[in-house]
Amino acid sequence: MTARFAVVTTRQFDRESRKYLRSHSDFDEHLAYAIEALSGDPYNISRAHPIKKLTAAPAGEGQYRWRSGRFRFRYDVDAKLETVYLKTCSLRRENTY
């Protein structure tokens, strides 16, 4: 049996998520799915989730990125405390590319 990680949000994440909750009706579904998946497999060992380890991001600034539809969630993992810290969330615009 694998250990379950606690998922904790930061103040910055809370501020950004409130903005998206007001303006995007599907944001809460993406967030709930991400929290459930991250609590079980934050390192994406199963390769079942769209998670990318960011190489240039220092610890504490969101070393991993979860992609869910148009939304991006950046997070860090503290293996000793078995905790995932959601750092930021952002919206990918259609005119990005």
Protein backbone atom coordinates (compact mmCIF):
# COMPACT_ATOMS: atom_id res chain seq x y z
CA MET A 1 0.00 0.00 0.00
CA THR A 2 1.37 3.41 -0.92
CA ALA A 3 1.41 6.38 1.41
CA ARG A 4 -1.18 9.09 0.85
CA PHE A 5 0.20 12.60 0.61
CA ALA A 6 -1.57 15.58 2.17
CA VAL A 7 -2.29 18.33 -0.35
CA VAL A 8 -1.88 21.87 1.03
CA THR A 9 -2.47 25.15 -0.80
CA THR A 10 -0.42 28.31 -0.41
CA ARG A 11 -1.83 31.84 -0.07
CA GLN A 12 -0.87 32.67 -3.64
CA PHE A 13 -2.63 29.56 -4.92
CA ASP A 14 -5.76 30.43 -2.92
CA ARG A 15 -5.82 33.95 -4.39
CA GLU A 16 -5.43 32.72 -7.95
CA SER A 17 -7.92 29.88 -7.57
CA ARG A 18 -10.65 32.20 -6.24
CA LYS A 19 -10.30 34.23 -9.45
CA TYR A 20 -10.68 31.14 -11.64
CA LEU A 21 -13.57 29.75 -9.58
CA ARG A 22 -15.55 32.93 -10.29
CA SER A 23 -14.86 33.06 -14.01
CA HIS A 24 -14.53 29.38 -15.08
CA SER A 25 -17.24 26.90 -14.17
CA ASP A 26 -15.05 23.85 -14.85
CA PHE A 27 -12.10 24.93 -12.68
CA ASP A 28 -13.34 23.17 -9.54
CA GLU A 29 -13.59 19.84 -11.39
CA HIS A 30 -10.01 20.12 -12.65
CA LEU A 31 -8.76 21.11 -9.22
CA ALA A 32 -10.59 18.28 -7.44
CA TYR A 33 -9.21 15.71 -9.89
CA ALA A 34 -5.68 17.09 -9.53
CA ILE A 35 -5.83 17.00 -5.71
CA GLU A 36 -7.09 13.42 -5.70
CA ALA A 37 -4.39 12.25 -8.12
CA LEU A 38 -1.58 14.19 -6.41
CA SER A 39 -2.42 12.74 -3.02
CA GLY A 40 -1.77 9.27 -4.40
CA ASP A 41 1.04 9.76 -6.92
CA PRO A 42 2.70 13.22 -6.78
CA TYR A 43 5.87 12.03 -8.56
CA ASN A 44 3.82 10.45 -11.38
CA ILE A 45 5.53 7.09 -11.01
CA SER A 46 2.61 5.42 -12.77
CA ARG A 47 2.93 7.84 -15.73
CA ALA A 48 -0.87 8.06 -15.74
CA HIS A 49 -1.07 11.83 -15.32
CA PRO A 50 0.13 14.87 -17.31
CA ILE A 51 2.84 15.86 -14.84
CA LYS A 52 6.18 17.33 -15.82
CA LYS A 53 9.22 17.89 -13.62
CA LEU A 54 10.49 21.39 -14.32
CA THR A 55 14.27 21.41 -14.58
CA ALA A 56 14.98 25.12 -14.11
CA ALA A 57 12.63 25.67 -11.15
CA PRO A 58 14.35 25.76 -7.74
CA ALA A 59 12.80 24.07 -4.71
CA GLY A 60 10.02 26.15 -3.22
CA GLU A 61 8.85 27.64 -6.51
CA GLY A 62 6.86 24.76 -7.94
CA GLN A 63 9.17 22.07 -9.26
CA TYR A 64 6.35 20.09 -10.87
CA ARG A 65 3.58 21.09 -13.26
CA TRP A 66 0.20 19.40 -13.57
CA ARG A 67 -1.65 20.09 -16.82
CA SER A 68 -5.42 19.73 -16.74
CA GLY A 69 -7.29 21.06 -19.74
CA ARG A 70 -6.51 24.77 -20.01
CA PHE A 71 -5.30 24.98 -16.41
CA ARG A 72 -1.77 24.55 -15.08
CA PHE A 73 -0.96 23.80 -11.44
CA ARG A 74 2.57 24.11 -10.08
CA TYR A 75 3.51 22.28 -6.93
CA ASP A 76 6.34 21.05 -4.71
CA VAL A 77 6.60 17.76 -2.84
CA ASP A 78 8.03 17.33 0.65
CA ALA A 79 8.71 13.60 0.89
CA LYS A 80 9.66 13.69 4.59
CA LEU A 81 6.34 15.23 5.60
CA GLU A 82 4.42 13.41 2.84
CA THR A 83 2.93 16.73 1.75
CA VAL A 84 2.23 18.30 -1.64
CA TYR A 85 2.23 22.11 -1.69
CA LEU A 86 0.16 23.65 -4.48
CA LYS A 87 2.03 26.87 -5.33
CA THR A 88 0.32 28.49 -8.30
CA CYS A 89 -2.41 27.94 -10.84
CA SER A 90 -2.66 29.56 -14.22
CA LEU A 91 -4.75 29.53 -17.35
CA ARG A 92 -3.32 28.66 -20.74
CA ARG A 93 -4.81 30.99 -23.33
CA GLU A 94 -5.75 29.83 -26.80
CA ASN A 95 -3.41 32.35 -28.42
CA THR A 96 -0.34 31.06 -26.55
CA TYR A 97 1.13 29.33 -29.59
